[in-house]
Amino acid sequence: MVRNVDALLPALLKEEIELVVTIEHEMMKSAPLKSEFLGWFPLSLIVRAGHTLLNGSQTNRQCNYPLISPGHFSSIDRWPPYLRRYLSGPLHVIEDYGVAARITELSDAIWLSSTFAAMFEIRSGRLQEIASPKRQKPFRFKMMMYSLNRRSLSPAALVLEGMFQKQLGALTQER
């Protein structure tokens, strides 16, 4: 299933799925789940190649471009100011990363995601990341795997967990 946490948690609790891979999430922490840290993901602002925000002309102003996100976000107080200023436009929640990438490529929207999710589009030159300020550490978040407390992971899920950790390690090395 490719869905947001609000839909995945009930499916996990009903044992319709075996595990959930998502960012560290308060909702997941409050459920009877075990969690495994998979690695760190950078939080990125991704736009189409040639977007006006890439030339740095709007460095300190609020941006009202449409914002695409895989889910709703609430507590942005701890996010760096350089990121928060891009979040004032209308929010469009799109769970499908392929669709989000395509809409970003064909519009002025800002995709709040990770360069890891848009790696192929960035490498092909269709999408670009809005760089963080020079002295600002890139903002990142924990990628986690959640499963039921009362169940062991299947052999396939254990292999998948190892693959995720290995791939995240490789992606982190590339940055």
Protein backbone atom coordinates (compact mmCIF):
# COMPACT_ATOMS: atom_id res chain seq x y z
CA MET A 1 0.00 0.00 0.00
CA VAL A 2 1.16 3.49 -0.75
CA ARG A 3 -0.82 5.73 1.58
CA ASN A 4 -0.32 8.26 4.33
CA VAL A 5 0.13 7.30 7.98
CA ASP A 6 -3.54 7.95 8.79
CA ALA A 7 -4.53 5.11 6.46
CA LEU A 8 -1.58 2.80 7.07
CA LEU A 9 -1.80 2.63 10.87
CA PRO A 10 -5.33 1.10 10.94
CA ALA A 11 -4.31 -1.39 8.22
CA LEU A 12 -1.28 -2.39 10.27
CA LEU A 13 -3.32 -2.78 13.46
CA LYS A 14 -5.87 -4.95 11.61
CA GLU A 15 -2.96 -7.04 10.25
CA GLU A 16 -3.87 -6.21 6.65
CA ILE A 17 -0.22 -5.25 6.17
CA GLU A 18 2.87 -6.46 8.04
CA LEU A 19 4.88 -3.27 8.35
CA VAL A 20 4.91 0.43 7.61
CA VAL A 21 7.92 2.42 6.41
CA THR A 22 7.48 6.13 7.10
CA ILE A 23 9.05 9.09 8.83
CA GLU A 24 9.08 9.00 12.62
CA HIS A 25 5.53 9.87 13.55
CA GLU A 26 3.83 10.65 16.88
CA MET A 27 0.73 8.70 15.85
CA MET A 28 2.85 5.59 15.37
CA LYS A 29 4.60 6.09 18.73
CA SER A 30 1.27 6.00 20.58
CA ALA A 31 0.24 2.60 19.13
CA PRO A 32 1.41 -0.85 20.37
CA LEU A 33 4.17 -1.07 17.77
CA LYS A 34 7.84 -1.79 17.66
CA SER A 35 9.97 0.53 15.64
CA GLU A 36 13.24 0.10 13.79
CA PHE A 37 15.38 3.03 12.73
CA LEU A 38 16.25 2.70 9.03
CA GLY A 39 18.23 5.88 8.43
CA TRP A 40 18.08 9.63 7.93
CA PHE A 41 16.24 11.26 5.01
CA PRO A 42 16.88 14.86 3.96
CA LEU A 43 13.75 17.01 3.78
CA SER A 44 13.94 18.81 0.47
CA LEU A 45 12.11 21.46 -1.47
CA ILE A 46 11.92 20.20 -5.03
CA VAL A 47 10.84 22.21 -8.07
CA ARG A 48 10.90 21.89 -11.85
CA ALA A 49 14.09 22.78 -13.69
CA GLY A 50 14.04 26.49 -14.55
CA HIS A 51 11.71 27.45 -11.66
CA THR A 52 12.07 31.12 -10.61
CA LEU A 53 12.90 30.05 -7.03
CA LEU A 54 16.15 28.51 -8.23
CA ASN A 55 17.72 31.86 -9.11
CA GLY A 56 17.71 33.04 -5.48
CA SER A 57 15.77 36.24 -6.18
CA GLN A 58 13.17 35.53 -3.48
CA THR A 59 15.65 34.64 -0.74
CA ASN A 60 13.91 36.21 2.26
CA ARG A 61 10.29 36.52 1.14
CA GLN A 62 7.32 34.24 1.78
CA CYS A 63 6.52 32.02 -1.19
CA ASN A 64 2.91 31.36 -2.10
CA TYR A 65 3.50 28.67 -4.70
CA PRO A 66 1.31 25.56 -4.43
CA LEU A 67 2.86 23.03 -2.08
CA ILE A 68 2.73 19.27 -2.72
CA SER A 69 3.25 16.97 0.24
CA PRO A 70 2.63 13.24 0.83
CA GLY A 71 0.63 14.16 3.94
CA HIS A 72 -0.39 16.95 6.28
CA PHE A 73 2.22 18.37 8.61
CA SER A 74 1.50 20.11 11.88
CA SER A 75 4.45 21.07 14.05
CA ILE A 76 6.82 23.03 11.86
CA ASP A 77 8.06 25.19 14.76
CA ARG A 78 11.36 23.27 14.93
CA TRP A 79 11.89 23.47 11.16
CA PRO A 80 14.49 25.98 10.00
CA PRO A 81 13.09 29.38 8.93
CA TYR A 82 14.47 28.92 5.39
CA LEU A 83 12.10 25.94 4.97
CA ARG A 84 9.07 27.45 6.71
CA ARG A 85 8.91 30.41 4.32
CA TYR A 86 8.08 28.04 1.45
CA LEU A 87 5.07 26.54 3.25
CA SER A 88 2.57 29.40 2.93
CA GLY A 89 1.05 28.39 -0.42
CA PRO A 90 -2.00 26.15 -0.75
CA LEU A 91 -1.29 22.56 0.32
CA HIS A 92 -2.10 19.64 -1.98
CA VAL A 93 -1.71 16.20 -0.41
CA ILE A 94 -0.62 13.68 -3.03
CA GLU A 95 0.39 10.27 -1.72
CA ASP A 96 1.68 8.88 -5.01
CA TYR A 97 5.27 10.00 -5.48
CA GLY A 98 5.22 9.43 -9.25
CA VAL A 99 2.21 11.71 -9.61
CA ALA A 100 3.76 14.30 -7.27
CA ALA A 101 6.96 14.29 -9.32
CA ARG A 102 5.08 14.71 -12.60
CA ILE A 103 2.90 17.57 -11.32
CA THR A 104 6.00 19.30 -9.94
CA GLU A 105 7.74 18.88 -13.27
CA LEU A 106 4.82 20.46 -15.16
CA SER A 107 3.92 23.31 -12.80
CA ASP A 108 5.29 25.95 -10.44
CA ALA A 109 4.46 23.79 -7.41
CA ILE A 110 7.00 23.07 -4.69
CA TRP A 111 7.22 19.41 -3.70
CA LEU A 112 8.03 18.93 -0.01
CA SER A 113 9.73 15.55 -0.07
CA SER A 114 13.24 14.16 -0.17
CA THR A 115 15.81 14.12 -2.90
CA PHE A 116 15.83 10.36 -2.30
CA ALA A 117 12.23 10.18 -3.56
CA ALA A 118 12.99 12.24 -6.66
CA MET A 119 16.43 10.85 -7.44
CA PHE A 120 15.68 9.76 -11.02
CA GLU A 121 13.95 13.02 -11.97
CA ILE A 122 16.79 15.07 -10.44
CA ARG A 123 19.47 13.03 -12.21
CA SER A 124 17.63 13.46 -15.52
CA GLY A 125 17.52 17.25 -14.99
CA ARG A 126 13.71 17.51 -14.89
CA LEU A 127 13.56 18.44 -11.18
CA GLN A 128 15.93 20.33 -8.92
CA GLU A 129 16.30 20.86 -5.20
CA ILE A 130 16.12 24.37 -3.78
CA ALA A 131 19.42 24.49 -1.93
CA SER A 132 19.51 25.29 1.76
CA PRO A 133 21.47 28.41 2.75
CA LYS A 134 25.24 27.87 2.82
CA ARG A 135 25.70 27.81 6.58
CA GLN A 136 22.46 25.94 7.26
CA LYS A 137 22.60 22.22 7.86
CA PRO A 138 20.07 20.43 5.64
CA PHE A 139 16.95 19.51 7.58
CA ARG A 140 16.45 15.76 7.93
CA PHE A 141 14.13 13.28 9.55
CA LYS A 142 14.21 9.73 10.79
CA MET A 143 12.92 7.04 8.46
CA MET A 144 11.37 4.26 10.52
CA MET A 145 9.87 0.83 10.04
CA TYR A 146 6.91 0.00 12.29
CA SER A 147 5.43 -3.43 12.92
CA LEU A 148 3.11 -4.99 15.48
CA ASN A 149 4.59 -5.48 18.93
CA ARG A 150 2.99 -8.88 19.35
CA ARG A 151 4.30 -10.40 16.10
CA SER A 152 7.66 -11.35 14.72
CA LEU A 153 8.54 -10.17 11.27
CA SER A 154 8.34 -12.70 8.48
CA PRO A 155 11.58 -13.75 6.77
CA ALA A 156 10.60 -11.61 3.78
CA ALA A 157 10.06 -8.55 6.00
CA LEU A 158 13.46 -9.10 7.65
CA VAL A 159 15.11 -9.20 4.22
CA LEU A 160 13.21 -6.03 3.25
CA GLU A 161 14.36 -4.28 6.43
CA GLY A 162 17.99 -5.14 5.63
CA MET A 163 17.56 -3.93 2.05
CA PHE A 164 16.08 -0.61 3.25
CA GLN A 165 18.96 -0.07 5.67
CA LYS A 166 21.57 -0.92 3.04
CA GLN A 167 19.96 1.31 0.40
CA LEU A 168 19.56 4.24 2.81
CA GLY A 169 23.20 3.86 3.76
CA ALA A 170 24.18 3.99 0.09
CA LEU A 171 21.97 7.04 -0.55
CA THR A 172 23.47 8.83 2.44
CA GLN A 173 26.97 8.16 1.10
CA GLU A 174 25.99 9.74 -2.28
CA ARG A 175 24.94 13.05 -0.70
